[in-house]
N, C-alpha and C. Protein backbone atom coordinates (compact mmCIF):
# COMPACT_ATOMS: atom_id res chain seq x y z
N UNK A 1 207.90 129.92 115.71
CA UNK A 1 206.33 129.43 115.45
C UNK A 1 205.49 129.94 116.20
N UNK A 2 203.99 130.27 115.15
CA UNK A 2 203.33 131.10 115.18
C UNK A 2 202.63 130.49 115.55
N UNK A 3 201.05 130.24 116.77
CA UNK A 3 199.67 129.25 116.95
C UNK A 3 198.87 130.17 116.02
N UNK A 4 198.10 128.92 115.82
CA UNK A 4 197.21 129.07 115.05
C UNK A 4 196.15 129.45 116.05
N UNK A 5 195.24 130.30 115.61
CA UNK A 5 194.26 130.75 116.30
C UNK A 5 193.32 129.55 116.11
N UNK A 6 192.24 128.89 117.19
CA UNK A 6 191.12 127.98 116.86
C UNK A 6 189.80 128.38 116.37
N UNK A 7 189.30 128.79 115.39
CA UNK A 7 188.09 129.34 115.49
C UNK A 7 186.72 129.15 116.15
N UNK A 8 186.17 129.50 117.37
CA UNK A 8 185.52 129.09 117.92
C UNK A 8 184.00 129.44 117.15
N UNK A 9 183.18 128.70 117.37
CA UNK A 9 181.22 128.56 116.17
C UNK A 9 180.75 127.89 117.14
N UNK A 10 179.20 129.11 117.62
CA UNK A 10 178.98 129.13 118.64
C UNK A 10 177.25 129.00 117.57
N UNK A 11 176.90 127.42 117.37
CA UNK A 11 175.01 128.06 117.13
C UNK A 11 174.72 128.04 117.72
N UNK A 12 173.45 128.50 116.63
CA UNK A 12 172.23 129.79 118.12
C UNK A 12 171.66 128.45 118.33
N UNK A 13 170.84 128.65 119.26
CA UNK A 13 170.25 127.45 120.35
C UNK A 13 168.73 127.73 119.45
N UNK A 14 168.54 127.18 119.34
CA UNK A 14 167.17 127.54 118.73
C UNK A 14 165.59 127.14 118.93
N UNK A 15 165.50 127.14 120.84
CA UNK A 15 164.88 127.25 121.36
C UNK A 15 163.86 128.53 121.39
N UNK A 16 165.21 129.59 121.45
CA UNK A 16 164.52 130.91 121.86
C UNK A 16 164.56 131.78 120.42
N UNK A 17 164.26 130.97 119.15
CA UNK A 17 163.94 131.12 118.05
C UNK A 17 162.11 130.47 118.13
N UNK A 18 161.28 131.65 116.61
CA UNK A 18 160.48 130.52 116.47
C UNK A 18 160.50 130.23 114.79
N UNK A 19 159.98 128.76 114.85
CA UNK A 19 160.02 128.47 113.55
C UNK A 19 159.32 128.90 112.78
N UNK A 20 159.69 128.90 111.32
CA UNK A 20 158.72 129.60 110.30
C UNK A 20 158.23 128.35 109.04
N UNK A 21 157.49 127.20 108.58
CA UNK A 21 158.13 127.03 107.66
C UNK A 21 157.46 127.11 106.30
N UNK A 22 157.97 126.94 105.36
CA UNK A 22 158.83 127.59 103.64
C UNK A 22 157.45 126.87 103.00
N UNK A 23 157.57 125.21 103.33
CA UNK A 23 156.57 124.44 102.52
C UNK A 23 157.02 122.64 103.07
N UNK A 24 155.67 121.87 103.08
CA UNK A 24 156.75 120.91 103.46
C UNK A 24 157.69 120.28 103.39
N UNK A 25 159.01 120.36 102.98
CA UNK A 25 159.83 119.96 103.91
C UNK A 25 161.25 121.52 104.12
N UNK A 26 160.70 122.53 104.26
CA UNK A 26 162.00 123.26 104.39
C UNK A 26 161.03 124.50 106.00
N UNK A 27 162.47 124.11 106.57
CA UNK A 27 161.43 125.39 108.07
C UNK A 27 162.66 126.29 108.15
N UNK A 28 162.93 127.40 108.21
CA UNK A 28 163.76 128.38 108.91
C UNK A 28 163.38 128.35 110.47
N UNK A 29 163.85 129.43 111.21
CA UNK A 29 164.10 129.70 111.91
C UNK A 29 164.59 131.25 112.28
N UNK A 30 163.62 132.14 113.14
CA UNK A 30 163.72 133.59 112.92
C UNK A 30 163.65 134.05 114.22
N UNK A 31 164.35 135.28 114.98
CA UNK A 31 163.96 135.61 116.49
C UNK A 31 162.57 135.98 116.57
N UNK A 32 162.21 136.01 117.98
CA UNK A 32 160.77 135.96 118.57
C UNK A 32 160.63 137.94 118.32
N UNK A 33 158.99 137.31 117.75
CA UNK A 33 158.86 138.49 117.45
C UNK A 33 159.20 139.04 116.05
N UNK A 34 159.45 138.44 115.43
CA UNK A 34 159.89 138.51 114.21
C UNK A 34 158.86 138.71 113.17
N UNK A 35 158.61 138.95 111.95
CA UNK A 35 157.35 138.57 111.24
C UNK A 35 157.90 137.72 110.39
N UNK A 36 157.00 136.60 110.59
CA UNK A 36 157.23 135.29 109.77
C UNK A 36 157.06 136.02 108.05
N UNK A 37 156.25 136.50 107.74
CA UNK A 37 155.51 136.82 106.04
C UNK A 37 156.69 137.50 105.65
N UNK A 38 157.27 138.58 106.41
CA UNK A 38 158.70 139.07 105.88
C UNK A 38 160.10 138.28 106.33
N UNK A 39 159.88 137.11 106.81
CA UNK A 39 161.22 135.81 106.25
C UNK A 39 160.96 134.96 105.33
N UNK A 40 159.67 134.71 104.78
CA UNK A 40 158.96 133.62 103.94
C UNK A 40 159.67 134.34 102.46
N UNK A 41 159.11 135.74 102.31
CA UNK A 41 159.90 136.79 101.40
C UNK A 41 160.61 136.93 101.07
N UNK A 42 161.76 136.86 102.51
CA UNK A 42 163.65 137.02 101.98
C UNK A 42 163.66 135.54 101.87
N UNK A 43 163.09 134.45 101.96
CA UNK A 43 163.86 133.62 101.52
C UNK A 43 163.35 133.19 100.30
N UNK A 44 162.04 133.47 99.67
CA UNK A 44 161.95 133.00 98.55
C UNK A 44 162.86 134.15 97.24
N UNK A 45 162.78 135.34 97.74
CA UNK A 45 163.17 135.97 97.73
C UNK A 45 165.38 135.76 96.95
N UNK A 46 165.71 134.58 97.96
CA UNK A 46 167.29 134.73 98.34
C UNK A 46 166.90 133.72 96.85
N UNK A 47 165.97 132.75 96.41
CA UNK A 47 166.50 131.13 96.25
C UNK A 47 165.58 131.47 94.98
N UNK A 48 164.87 133.06 94.21
CA UNK A 48 164.79 132.99 93.12
C UNK A 48 166.13 134.16 92.33
N UNK A 49 166.68 134.20 93.64
CA UNK A 49 167.97 134.75 93.13
C UNK A 49 169.24 134.43 93.27
N UNK A 50 168.76 132.53 93.33
CA UNK A 50 169.76 131.31 93.08
C UNK A 50 169.38 131.27 91.98
N UNK A 51 168.01 131.21 91.30
CA UNK A 51 167.42 130.62 89.98
C UNK A 51 167.45 128.85 90.33
N UNK A 52 167.56 128.54 91.49
CA UNK A 52 167.82 127.05 91.28
C UNK A 52 166.09 126.31 91.70
N UNK A 53 165.44 125.34 91.83
CA UNK A 53 164.83 124.96 91.66
C UNK A 53 164.36 124.13 93.07
N UNK A 54 163.52 124.53 94.62
CA UNK A 54 163.57 124.14 95.24
C UNK A 54 162.68 122.68 95.57
N UNK A 55 161.42 122.10 94.51
CA UNK A 55 160.85 121.10 94.19
C UNK A 55 160.81 121.12 93.00
N UNK A 56 161.34 119.71 92.97
CA UNK A 56 161.10 119.37 90.99
C UNK A 56 160.14 119.22 91.34
N UNK A 57 159.56 118.87 89.76
CA UNK A 57 157.82 118.35 89.29
C UNK A 57 158.09 117.06 89.14
N UNK A 58 156.99 116.31 89.66
CA UNK A 58 157.02 115.08 89.65
C UNK A 58 156.89 114.54 87.64
N UNK A 59 157.27 113.64 86.95
CA UNK A 59 157.57 113.56 85.87
C UNK A 59 156.21 113.11 85.40
N UNK A 60 155.54 113.28 84.52
CA UNK A 60 154.23 112.52 84.05
C UNK A 60 153.85 110.87 83.34
N UNK A 61 153.44 109.66 84.42
CA UNK A 61 153.61 108.90 84.15
C UNK A 61 152.32 109.11 82.16
N UNK A 62 153.16 108.66 81.34
CA UNK A 62 152.75 108.44 79.91
C UNK A 62 152.63 106.30 79.98
N UNK A 63 151.50 106.66 79.36
CA UNK A 63 150.97 104.68 79.06
C UNK A 63 151.01 104.77 77.88
């Protein structure tokens, strides 16, 4: 019988990374010294490629 190898997943240490605020609800972490504007533009490019809307517009109240 073969033994199954366990997958060890090590989470990144965010204390050694810098936080980049994308919008009020979204923050990403990048390496220290990396360009924050580049990270933002890459993030939005990925989201546009997915075709998802992150913030849904609120519906206007019609009275």
